[in-house]
């Protein structure tokens, strides 16, 4: 699958992320999501994943550490890491997570 500009495909919701699944099989799920300025994803545990930020700025919380995120930043998290996200500006990201 080849996608020219992912930022043209993102959906923004008034209540938070409206993730779109781009690919999924028994081992991997890839989503595109966005947050408007001020929106958050609460801290929660999850499986192994990689987040790649395409637009905007914010902060990612990973196991108590705050990581500044902007366009071009990649954050890689191990299985079980507690993570959350806060958008300072409109934020767009691609996330790939292990499903098995």
PDB file of N, CA and C in Angstrom:
ATOM      1  N   UNK A   1       0.846  -1.174   0.000  1.00  0.00           N
ATOM      2  CA  UNK A   1       0.000   0.000   0.000  1.00  0.00           C
ATOM      3  C   UNK A   1       0.897   1.245   0.000  1.00  0.00           C
ATOM      4  N   UNK A   2       0.569   2.192  -0.855  1.00  0.00           N
ATOM      5  CA  UNK A   2       1.298   3.459  -0.919  1.00  0.00           C
ATOM      6  C   UNK A   2       0.295   4.582  -0.759  1.00  0.00           C
ATOM      7  N   UNK A   3       0.598   5.516   0.142  1.00  0.00           N
ATOM      8  CA  UNK A   3      -0.284   6.657   0.397  1.00  0.00           C
ATOM      9  C   UNK A   3       0.550   7.912   0.249  1.00  0.00           C
ATOM     10  N   UNK A   4       0.111   8.830  -0.603  1.00  0.00           N
ATOM     11  CA  UNK A   4       0.862  10.041  -0.904  1.00  0.00           C
ATOM     12  C   UNK A   4       0.990  10.973   0.296  1.00  0.00           C
ATOM     13  N   UNK A   5      -0.104  11.387   0.901  1.00  0.00           N
ATOM     14  CA  UNK A   5      -0.071  12.365   1.988  1.00  0.00           C
ATOM     15  C   UNK A   5      -1.081  11.962   3.055  1.00  0.00           C
ATOM     16  N   UNK A   6      -0.604  11.309   4.083  1.00  0.00           N
ATOM     17  CA  UNK A   6      -1.493  10.829   5.142  1.00  0.00           C
ATOM     18  C   UNK A   6      -2.261  11.949   5.832  1.00  0.00           C
ATOM     19  N   UNK A   7      -1.675  13.138   5.919  1.00  0.00           N
ATOM     20  CA  UNK A   7      -2.341  14.228   6.641  1.00  0.00           C
ATOM     21  C   UNK A   7      -3.658  14.638   5.981  1.00  0.00           C
ATOM     22  N   UNK A   8      -3.834  14.314   4.709  1.00  0.00           N
ATOM     23  CA  UNK A   8      -5.099  14.626   4.023  1.00  0.00           C
ATOM     24  C   UNK A   8      -6.203  13.644   4.397  1.00  0.00           C
ATOM     25  N   UNK A   9      -5.836  12.517   5.016  1.00  0.00           N
ATOM     26  CA  UNK A   9      -6.800  11.462   5.323  1.00  0.00           C
ATOM     27  C   UNK A   9      -7.231  11.409   6.781  1.00  0.00           C
ATOM     28  N   UNK A  10      -6.668  12.261   7.641  1.00  0.00           N
ATOM     29  CA  UNK A  10      -6.959  12.176   9.068  1.00  0.00           C
ATOM     30  C   UNK A  10      -8.333  12.766   9.398  1.00  0.00           C
ATOM     31  N   UNK A  11      -9.013  12.126  10.340  1.00  0.00           N
ATOM     32  CA  UNK A  11     -10.298  12.627  10.852  1.00  0.00           C
ATOM     33  C   UNK A  11     -10.079  13.187  12.249  1.00  0.00           C
ATOM     34  N   UNK A  12     -10.657  14.347  12.518  1.00  0.00           N
ATOM     35  CA  UNK A  12     -10.585  14.951  13.841  1.00  0.00           C
ATOM     36  C   UNK A  12     -11.971  14.914  14.458  1.00  0.00           C
ATOM     37  N   UNK A  13     -12.049  14.519  15.729  1.00  0.00           N
ATOM     38  CA  UNK A  13     -13.327  14.445  16.414  1.00  0.00           C
ATOM     39  C   UNK A  13     -13.401  15.472  17.523  1.00  0.00           C
ATOM     40  N   UNK A  14     -14.603  15.880  17.866  1.00  0.00           N
ATOM     41  CA  UNK A  14     -14.779  16.853  18.942  1.00  0.00           C
ATOM     42  C   UNK A  14     -14.487  16.236  20.307  1.00  0.00           C
ATOM     43  N   UNK A  15     -14.565  14.925  20.416  1.00  0.00           N
ATOM     44  CA  UNK A  15     -14.329  14.232  21.684  1.00  0.00           C
ATOM     45  C   UNK A  15     -12.966  13.550  21.751  1.00  0.00           C
ATOM     46  N   UNK A  16     -12.128  13.711  20.752  1.00  0.00           N
ATOM     47  CA  UNK A  16     -10.812  13.068  20.748  1.00  0.00           C
ATOM     48  C   UNK A  16     -10.534  12.390  19.426  1.00  0.00           C
ATOM     49  N   UNK A  17      -9.676  11.385  19.471  1.00  0.00           N
ATOM     50  CA  UNK A  17      -9.234  10.738  18.237  1.00  0.00           C
ATOM     51  C   UNK A  17     -10.361   9.996  17.525  1.00  0.00           C
ATOM     52  N   UNK A  18     -10.271   9.977  16.230  1.00  0.00           N
ATOM     53  CA  UNK A  18     -11.143   9.201  15.343  1.00  0.00           C
ATOM     54  C   UNK A  18     -10.215   8.355  14.476  1.00  0.00           C
ATOM     55  N   UNK A  19      -9.546   7.351  15.080  1.00  0.00           N
ATOM     56  CA  UNK A  19      -8.516   6.613  14.333  1.00  0.00           C
ATOM     57  C   UNK A  19      -9.074   5.860  13.142  1.00  0.00           C
ATOM     58  N   UNK A  20      -8.266   5.831  12.093  1.00  0.00           N
ATOM     59  CA  UNK A  20      -8.592   5.085  10.879  1.00  0.00           C
ATOM     60  C   UNK A  20      -7.581   3.953  10.753  1.00  0.00           C
ATOM     61  N   UNK A  21      -8.052   2.760  10.562  1.00  0.00           N
ATOM     62  CA  UNK A  21      -7.162   1.614  10.387  1.00  0.00           C
ATOM     63  C   UNK A  21      -6.755   1.537   8.915  1.00  0.00           C
ATOM     64  N   UNK A  22      -5.432   1.524   8.669  1.00  0.00           N
ATOM     65  CA  UNK A  22      -4.918   1.420   7.306  1.00  0.00           C
ATOM     66  C   UNK A  22      -4.525   0.008   6.950  1.00  0.00           C
ATOM     67  N   UNK A  23      -4.094  -0.743   7.943  1.00  0.00           N
ATOM     68  CA  UNK A  23      -3.700  -2.127   7.699  1.00  0.00           C
ATOM     69  C   UNK A  23      -3.842  -2.897   8.997  1.00  0.00           C
ATOM     70  N   UNK A  24      -4.233  -4.177   8.873  1.00  0.00           N
ATOM     71  CA  UNK A  24      -4.350  -5.003  10.063  1.00  0.00           C
ATOM     72  C   UNK A  24      -4.288  -6.472   9.666  1.00  0.00           C
ATOM     73  N   UNK A  25      -3.495  -7.207  10.426  1.00  0.00           N
ATOM     74  CA  UNK A  25      -3.468  -8.659  10.276  1.00  0.00           C
ATOM     75  C   UNK A  25      -3.274  -9.259  11.662  1.00  0.00           C
ATOM     76  N   UNK A  26      -2.932 -10.548  11.725  1.00  0.00           N
ATOM     77  CA  UNK A  26      -2.830 -11.197  13.028  1.00  0.00           C
ATOM     78  C   UNK A  26      -1.624 -10.741  13.844  1.00  0.00           C
ATOM     79  N   UNK A  27      -0.710  -9.936  13.253  1.00  0.00           N
ATOM     80  CA  UNK A  27       0.496  -9.507  13.959  1.00  0.00           C
ATOM     81  C   UNK A  27       0.631  -8.000  14.128  1.00  0.00           C
ATOM     82  N   UNK A  28      -0.038  -7.218  13.280  1.00  0.00           N
ATOM     83  CA  UNK A  28       0.203  -5.780  13.255  1.00  0.00           C
ATOM     84  C   UNK A  28      -1.064  -5.004  12.905  1.00  0.00           C
ATOM     85  N   UNK A  29      -1.242  -3.862  13.564  1.00  0.00           N
ATOM     86  CA  UNK A  29      -2.326  -2.942  13.228  1.00  0.00           C
ATOM     87  C   UNK A  29      -1.711  -1.555  13.054  1.00  0.00           C
ATOM     88  N   UNK A  30      -2.048  -0.882  11.948  1.00  0.00           N
ATOM     89  CA  UNK A  30      -1.531   0.452  11.654  1.00  0.00           C
ATOM     90  C   UNK A  30      -2.712   1.413  11.565  1.00  0.00           C
ATOM     91  N   UNK A  31      -2.647   2.491  12.374  1.00  0.00           N
ATOM     92  CA  UNK A  31      -3.728   3.482  12.370  1.00  0.00           C
ATOM     93  C   UNK A  31      -3.184   4.880  12.117  1.00  0.00           C
ATOM     94  N   UNK A  32      -4.065   5.749  11.643  1.00  0.00           N
ATOM     95  CA  UNK A  32      -3.801   7.173  11.502  1.00  0.00           C
ATOM     96  C   UNK A  32      -4.791   7.879  12.398  1.00  0.00           C
ATOM     97  N   UNK A  33      -4.310   8.838  13.186  1.00  0.00           N
ATOM     98  CA  UNK A  33      -5.209   9.547  14.096  1.00  0.00           C
ATOM     99  C   UNK A  33      -4.742  10.977  14.272  1.00  0.00           C
ATOM    100  N   UNK A  34      -5.641  11.802  14.785  1.00  0.00           N
ATOM    101  CA  UNK A  34      -5.307  13.192  15.044  1.00  0.00           C
ATOM    102  C   UNK A  34      -6.026  13.712  16.267  1.00  0.00           C
ATOM    103  N   UNK A  35      -5.423  14.700  16.886  1.00  0.00           N
ATOM    104  CA  UNK A  35      -6.020  15.398  18.018  1.00  0.00           C
ATOM    105  C   UNK A  35      -6.002  16.889  17.722  1.00  0.00           C
ATOM    106  N   UNK A  36      -7.050  17.559  18.106  1.00  0.00           N
ATOM    107  CA  UNK A  36      -7.059  19.018  18.027  1.00  0.00           C
ATOM    108  C   UNK A  36      -6.285  19.564  19.224  1.00  0.00           C
ATOM    109  N   UNK A  37      -5.846  20.813  19.140  1.00  0.00           N
ATOM    110  CA  UNK A  37      -5.133  21.449  20.249  1.00  0.00           C
ATOM    111  C   UNK A  37      -5.958  21.324  21.523  1.00  0.00           C
ATOM    112  N   UNK A  38      -5.294  20.887  22.600  1.00  0.00           N
ATOM    113  CA  UNK A  38      -5.955  20.742  23.889  1.00  0.00           C
ATOM    114  C   UNK A  38      -6.562  19.373  24.149  1.00  0.00           C
ATOM    115  N   UNK A  39      -6.730  18.560  23.121  1.00  0.00           N
ATOM    116  CA  UNK A  39      -7.289  17.223  23.323  1.00  0.00           C
ATOM    117  C   UNK A  39      -6.209  16.280  23.848  1.00  0.00           C
ATOM    118  N   UNK A  40      -6.664  15.207  24.519  1.00  0.00           N
ATOM    119  CA  UNK A  40      -5.738  14.250  25.113  1.00  0.00           C
ATOM    120  C   UNK A  40      -6.184  12.814  24.882  1.00  0.00           C
ATOM    121  N   UNK A  41      -5.250  11.925  25.018  1.00  0.00           N
ATOM    122  CA  UNK A  41      -5.520  10.495  25.146  1.00  0.00           C
ATOM    123  C   UNK A  41      -5.017  10.155  26.546  1.00  0.00           C
ATOM    124  N   UNK A  42      -5.890   9.701  27.442  1.00  0.00           N
ATOM    125  CA  UNK A  42      -5.465   9.408  28.811  1.00  0.00           C
ATOM    126  C   UNK A  42      -4.385   8.329  28.868  1.00  0.00           C
ATOM    127  N   UNK A  43      -3.577   8.385  29.906  1.00  0.00           N
ATOM    128  CA  UNK A  43      -2.527   7.390  30.108  1.00  0.00           C
ATOM    129  C   UNK A  43      -3.172   6.021  30.309  1.00  0.00           C
ATOM    130  N   UNK A  44      -2.648   5.031  29.581  1.00  0.00           N
ATOM    131  CA  UNK A  44      -3.172   3.666  29.633  1.00  0.00           C
ATOM    132  C   UNK A  44      -2.079   2.696  29.194  1.00  0.00           C
ATOM    133  N   UNK A  45      -2.106   1.438  29.662  1.00  0.00           N
ATOM    134  CA  UNK A  45      -1.122   0.452  29.211  1.00  0.00           C
ATOM    135  C   UNK A  45      -1.547  -0.128  27.867  1.00  0.00           C
ATOM    136  N   UNK A  46      -0.559  -0.530  27.073  1.00  0.00           N
ATOM    137  CA  UNK A  46      -0.829  -1.122  25.762  1.00  0.00           C
ATOM    138  C   UNK A  46       0.301  -2.045  25.380  1.00  0.00           C
ATOM    139  N   UNK A  47       0.158  -2.712  24.252  1.00  0.00           N
ATOM    140  CA  UNK A  47       1.194  -3.584  23.725  1.00  0.00           C
ATOM    141  C   UNK A  47       2.316  -2.792  23.085  1.00  0.00           C
ATOM    142  N   UNK A  48       3.275  -3.490  22.530  1.00  0.00           N
ATOM    143  CA  UNK A  48       4.387  -2.852  21.816  1.00  0.00           C
ATOM    144  C   UNK A  48       3.843  -1.985  20.686  1.00  0.00           C
ATOM    145  N   UNK A  49       4.423  -0.794  20.522  1.00  0.00           N
ATOM    146  CA  UNK A  49       3.945   0.085  19.457  1.00  0.00           C
ATOM    147  C   UNK A  49       4.986   1.121  19.070  1.00  0.00           C
ATOM    148  N   UNK A  50       4.760   1.698  17.893  1.00  0.00           N
ATOM    149  CA  UNK A  50       5.593   2.772  17.361  1.00  0.00           C
ATOM    150  C   UNK A  50       4.667   3.896  16.927  1.00  0.00           C
ATOM    151  N   UNK A  51       4.956   5.120  17.359  1.00  0.00           N
ATOM    152  CA  UNK A  51       4.208   6.301  16.951  1.00  0.00           C
ATOM    153  C   UNK A  51       5.120   7.184  16.123  1.00  0.00           C
ATOM    154  N   UNK A  52       4.626   7.643  14.971  1.00  0.00           N
ATOM    155  CA  UNK A  52       5.369   8.568  14.121  1.00  0.00           C
ATOM    156  C   UNK A  52       4.505   9.805  13.925  1.00  0.00           C
ATOM    157  N   UNK A  53       5.030  10.970  14.286  1.00  0.00           N
ATOM    158  CA  UNK A  53       4.261  12.210  14.251  1.00  0.00           C
ATOM    159  C   UNK A  53       4.451  12.936  12.923  1.00  0.00           C
ATOM    160  N   UNK A  54       3.334  13.224  12.275  1.00  0.00           N
ATOM    161  CA  UNK A  54       3.329  13.797  10.927  1.00  0.00           C
ATOM    162  C   UNK A  54       3.104  15.303  10.920  1.00  0.00           C
ATOM    163  N   UNK A  55       2.487  15.820  11.985  1.00  0.00           N
ATOM    164  CA  UNK A  55       2.118  17.235  12.007  1.00  0.00           C
ATOM    165  C   UNK A  55       1.871  17.665  13.442  1.00  0.00           C
ATOM    166  N   UNK A  56       2.207  18.910  13.758  1.00  0.00           N
ATOM    167  CA  UNK A  56       1.859  19.496  15.038  1.00  0.00           C
ATOM    168  C   UNK A  56       2.869  19.275  16.141  1.00  0.00           C
ATOM    169  N   UNK A  57       2.423  19.579  17.377  1.00  0.00           N
ATOM    170  CA  UNK A  57       3.289  19.417  18.539  1.00  0.00           C
ATOM    171  C   UNK A  57       2.460  19.053  19.761  1.00  0.00           C
ATOM    172  N   UNK A  58       3.123  18.394  20.696  1.00  0.00           N
ATOM    173  CA  UNK A  58       2.454  17.992  21.925  1.00  0.00           C
ATOM    174  C   UNK A  58       3.414  17.259  22.828  1.00  0.00           C
ATOM    175  N   UNK A  59       2.837  16.494  23.752  1.00  0.00           N
ATOM    176  CA  UNK A  59       3.632  15.745  24.715  1.00  0.00           C
ATOM    177  C   UNK A  59       3.086  14.337  24.841  1.00  0.00           C
ATOM    178  N   UNK A  60       3.998  13.385  24.825  1.00  0.00           N
ATOM    179  CA  UNK A  60       3.628  11.996  25.037  1.00  0.00           C
ATOM    180  C   UNK A  60       4.147  11.600  26.412  1.00  0.00           C
ATOM    181  N   UNK A  61       3.301  10.961  27.188  1.00  0.00           N
ATOM    182  CA  UNK A  61       3.668  10.478  28.515  1.00  0.00           C
ATOM    183  C   UNK A  61       3.898   8.977  28.398  1.00  0.00           C
ATOM    184  N   UNK A  62       5.106   8.529  28.765  1.00  0.00           N
ATOM    185  CA  UNK A  62       5.453   7.111  28.676  1.00  0.00           C
ATOM    186  C   UNK A  62       6.074   6.694  30.011  1.00  0.00           C
ATOM    187  N   UNK A  63       5.349   5.868  30.746  1.00  0.00           N
ATOM    188  CA  UNK A  63       5.825   5.370  32.040  1.00  0.00           C
ATOM    189  C   UNK A  63       6.368   6.488  32.929  1.00  0.00           C
ATOM    190  N   UNK A  64       5.652   7.602  32.991  1.00  0.00           N
ATOM    191  CA  UNK A  64       6.030   8.701  33.875  1.00  0.00           C
ATOM    192  C   UNK A  64       7.004   9.701  33.275  1.00  0.00           C
ATOM    193  N   UNK A  65       7.511   9.430  32.088  1.00  0.00           N
ATOM    194  CA  UNK A  65       8.427  10.346  31.411  1.00  0.00           C
ATOM    195  C   UNK A  65       7.644  11.133  30.366  1.00  0.00           C
ATOM    196  N   UNK A  66       7.906  12.442  30.288  1.00  0.00           N
ATOM    197  CA  UNK A  66       7.247  13.286  29.291  1.00  0.00           C
ATOM    198  C   UNK A  66       8.196  13.492  28.118  1.00  0.00           C
ATOM    199  N   UNK A  67       7.704  13.200  26.910  1.00  0.00           N
ATOM    200  CA  UNK A  67       8.498  13.317  25.688  1.00  0.00           C
ATOM    201  C   UNK A  67       7.837  14.352  24.787  1.00  0.00           C
ATOM    202  N   UNK A  68       8.579  15.396  24.412  1.00  0.00           N
ATOM    203  CA  UNK A  68       8.060  16.389  23.467  1.00  0.00           C
ATOM    204  C   UNK A  68       7.972  15.748  22.096  1.00  0.00           C
ATOM    205  N   UNK A  69       6.828  15.922  21.417  1.00  0.00           N
ATOM    206  CA  UNK A  69       6.655  15.363  20.079  1.00  0.00           C
ATOM    207  C   UNK A  69       6.317  16.474  19.097  1.00  0.00           C
ATOM    208  N   UNK A  70       6.931  16.409  17.936  1.00  0.00           N
ATOM    209  CA  UNK A  70       6.689  17.335  16.834  1.00  0.00           C
ATOM    210  C   UNK A  70       6.810  16.542  15.537  1.00  0.00           C
ATOM    211  N   UNK A  71       6.522  17.200  14.431  1.00  0.00           N
ATOM    212  CA  UNK A  71       6.626  16.553  13.120  1.00  0.00           C
ATOM    213  C   UNK A  71       7.989  15.878  12.973  1.00  0.00           C
ATOM    214  N   UNK A  72       7.960  14.594  12.569  1.00  0.00           N
ATOM    215  CA  UNK A  72       9.178  13.844  12.325  1.00  0.00           C
ATOM    216  C   UNK A  72       9.679  13.021  13.493  1.00  0.00           C
ATOM    217  N   UNK A  73       9.100  13.196  14.682  1.00  0.00           N
ATOM    218  CA  UNK A  73       9.537  12.443  15.858  1.00  0.00           C
ATOM    219  C   UNK A  73       8.901  11.052  15.854  1.00  0.00           C
ATOM    220  N   UNK A  74       9.689  10.048  16.224  1.00  0.00           N
ATOM    221  CA  UNK A  74       9.215   8.676  16.371  1.00  0.00           C
ATOM    222  C   UNK A  74       9.403   8.264  17.830  1.00  0.00           C
ATOM    223  N   UNK A  75       8.372   7.654  18.423  1.00  0.00           N
ATOM    224  CA  UNK A  75       8.454   7.150  19.795  1.00  0.00           C
ATOM    225  C   UNK A  75       8.155   5.650  19.734  1.00  0.00           C
ATOM    226  N   UNK A  76       9.069   4.847  20.276  1.00  0.00           N
ATOM    227  CA  UNK A  76       8.929   3.392  20.275  1.00  0.00           C
ATOM    228  C   UNK A  76       8.708   2.944  21.713  1.00  0.00           C
ATOM    229  N   UNK A  77       7.640   2.161  21.940  1.00  0.00           N
ATOM    230  CA  UNK A  77       7.291   1.740  23.288  1.00  0.00           C
ATOM    231  C   UNK A  77       7.208   0.231  23.412  1.00  0.00           C
ATOM    232  N   UNK A  78       7.729  -0.299  24.524  1.00  0.00           N
ATOM    233  CA  UNK A  78       7.646  -1.741  24.754  1.00  0.00           C
ATOM    234  C   UNK A  78       6.253  -2.144  25.231  1.00  0.00           C
ATOM    235  N   UNK A  79       5.981  -3.415  25.161  1.00  0.00           N
ATOM    236  CA  UNK A  79       4.722  -3.980  25.627  1.00  0.00           C
ATOM    237  C   UNK A  79       4.495  -3.603  27.093  1.00  0.00           C
ATOM    238  N   UNK A  80       3.279  -3.164  27.398  1.00  0.00           N
ATOM    239  CA  UNK A  80       2.901  -2.839  28.762  1.00  0.00           C
ATOM    240  C   UNK A  80       3.234  -1.433  29.205  1.00  0.00           C
ATOM    241  N   UNK A  81       3.962  -0.668  28.393  1.00  0.00           N
ATOM    242  CA  UNK A  81       4.283   0.704  28.769  1.00  0.00           C
ATOM    243  C   UNK A  81       2.994   1.509  28.885  1.00  0.00           C
ATOM    244  N   UNK A  82       2.901   2.323  29.927  1.00  0.00           N
ATOM    245  CA  UNK A  82       1.738   3.196  30.088  1.00  0.00           C
ATOM    246  C   UNK A  82       2.012   4.466  29.312  1.00  0.00           C
ATOM    247  N   UNK A  83       1.064   4.797  28.406  1.00  0.00           N
ATOM    248  CA  UNK A  83       1.275   5.964  27.558  1.00  0.00           C
ATOM    249  C   UNK A  83       0.008   6.783  27.430  1.00  0.00           C
ATOM    250  N   UNK A  84       0.219   8.072  27.187  1.00  0.00           N
ATOM    251  CA  UNK A  84      -0.866   9.012  26.945  1.00  0.00           C
ATOM    252  C   UNK A  84      -0.331  10.123  26.064  1.00  0.00           C
ATOM    253  N   UNK A  85      -1.209  10.978  25.580  1.00  0.00           N
ATOM    254  CA  UNK A  85      -0.810  11.997  24.621  1.00  0.00           C
ATOM    255  C   UNK A  85      -1.606  13.270  24.852  1.00  0.00           C
ATOM    256  N   UNK A  86      -0.917  14.417  24.762  1.00  0.00           N
ATOM    257  CA  UNK A  86      -1.555  15.727  24.861  1.00  0.00           C
ATOM    258  C   UNK A  86      -1.159  16.544  23.637  1.00  0.00           C
ATOM    259  N   UNK A  87      -2.126  17.175  22.997  1.00  0.00           N
ATOM    260  CA  UNK A  87      -1.846  17.993  21.813  1.00  0.00           C
ATOM    261  C   UNK A  87      -1.768  19.471  22.188  1.00  0.00           C
ATOM    262  N   UNK A  88      -0.632  20.105  21.870  1.00  0.00           N
ATOM    263  CA  UNK A  88      -0.502  21.550  22.051  1.00  0.00           C
ATOM    264  C   UNK A  88      -1.090  22.280  20.852  1.00  0.00           C
ATOM    265  N   UNK A  89      -0.869  21.711  19.662  1.00  0.00           N
ATOM    266  CA  UNK A  89      -1.447  22.210  18.419  1.00  0.00           C
ATOM    267  C   UNK A  89      -2.161  21.021  17.776  1.00  0.00           C
ATOM    268  N   UNK A  90      -2.777  21.222  16.640  1.00  0.00           N
ATOM    269  CA  UNK A  90      -3.366  20.089  15.916  1.00  0.00           C
ATOM    270  C   UNK A  90      -2.248  19.081  15.675  1.00  0.00           C
ATOM    271  N   UNK A  91      -2.491  17.838  16.082  1.00  0.00           N
ATOM    272  CA  UNK A  91      -1.450  16.805  16.074  1.00  0.00           C
ATOM    273  C   UNK A  91      -1.935  15.620  15.237  1.00  0.00           C
ATOM    274  N   UNK A  92      -1.095  15.156  14.330  1.00  0.00           N
ATOM    275  CA  UNK A  92      -1.416  14.012  13.476  1.00  0.00           C
ATOM    276  C   UNK A  92      -0.329  12.971  13.651  1.00  0.00           C
ATOM    277  N   UNK A  93      -0.731  11.709  13.844  1.00  0.00           N
ATOM    278  CA  UNK A  93       0.258  10.658  14.027  1.00  0.00           C
ATOM    279  C   UNK A  93      -0.193   9.352  13.398  1.00  0.00           C
ATOM    280  N   UNK A  94       0.813   8.559  13.060  1.00  0.00           N
ATOM    281  CA  UNK A  94       0.628   7.199  12.551  1.00  0.00           C
ATOM    282  C   UNK A  94       1.127   6.289  13.654  1.00  0.00           C
ATOM    283  N   UNK A  95       0.365   5.255  13.987  1.00  0.00           N
ATOM    284  CA  UNK A  95       0.780   4.322  15.025  1.00  0.00           C
ATOM    285  C   UNK A  95       0.698   2.897  14.498  1.00  0.00           C
ATOM    286  N   UNK A  96       1.723   2.113  14.812  1.00  0.00           N
ATOM    287  CA  UNK A  96       1.751   0.698  14.459  1.00  0.00           C
ATOM    288  C   UNK A  96       1.913  -0.076  15.752  1.00  0.00           C
ATOM    289  N   UNK A  97       1.013  -1.043  15.964  1.00  0.00           N
ATOM    290  CA  UNK A  97       1.033  -1.812  17.204  1.00  0.00           C
ATOM    291  C   UNK A  97       0.973  -3.296  16.920  1.00  0.00           C
ATOM    292  N   UNK A  98       1.720  -4.041  17.720  1.00  0.00           N
ATOM    293  CA  UNK A  98       1.672  -5.489  17.629  1.00  0.00           C
ATOM    294  C   UNK A  98       0.306  -5.969  18.118  1.00  0.00           C
ATOM    295  N   UNK A  99      -0.283  -6.930  17.407  1.00  0.00           N
ATOM    296  CA  UNK A  99      -1.601  -7.443  17.792  1.00  0.00           C
ATOM    297  C   UNK A  99      -1.509  -8.815  18.415  1.00  0.00           C
ATOM    298  N   UNK A 100      -0.352  -9.419  18.378  1.00  0.00           N
ATOM    299  CA  UNK A 100      -0.198 -10.764  18.968  1.00  0.00           C
ATOM    300  C   UNK A 100       0.879 -10.773  20.014  1.00  0.00           C
TER     301      UNK A 100
END
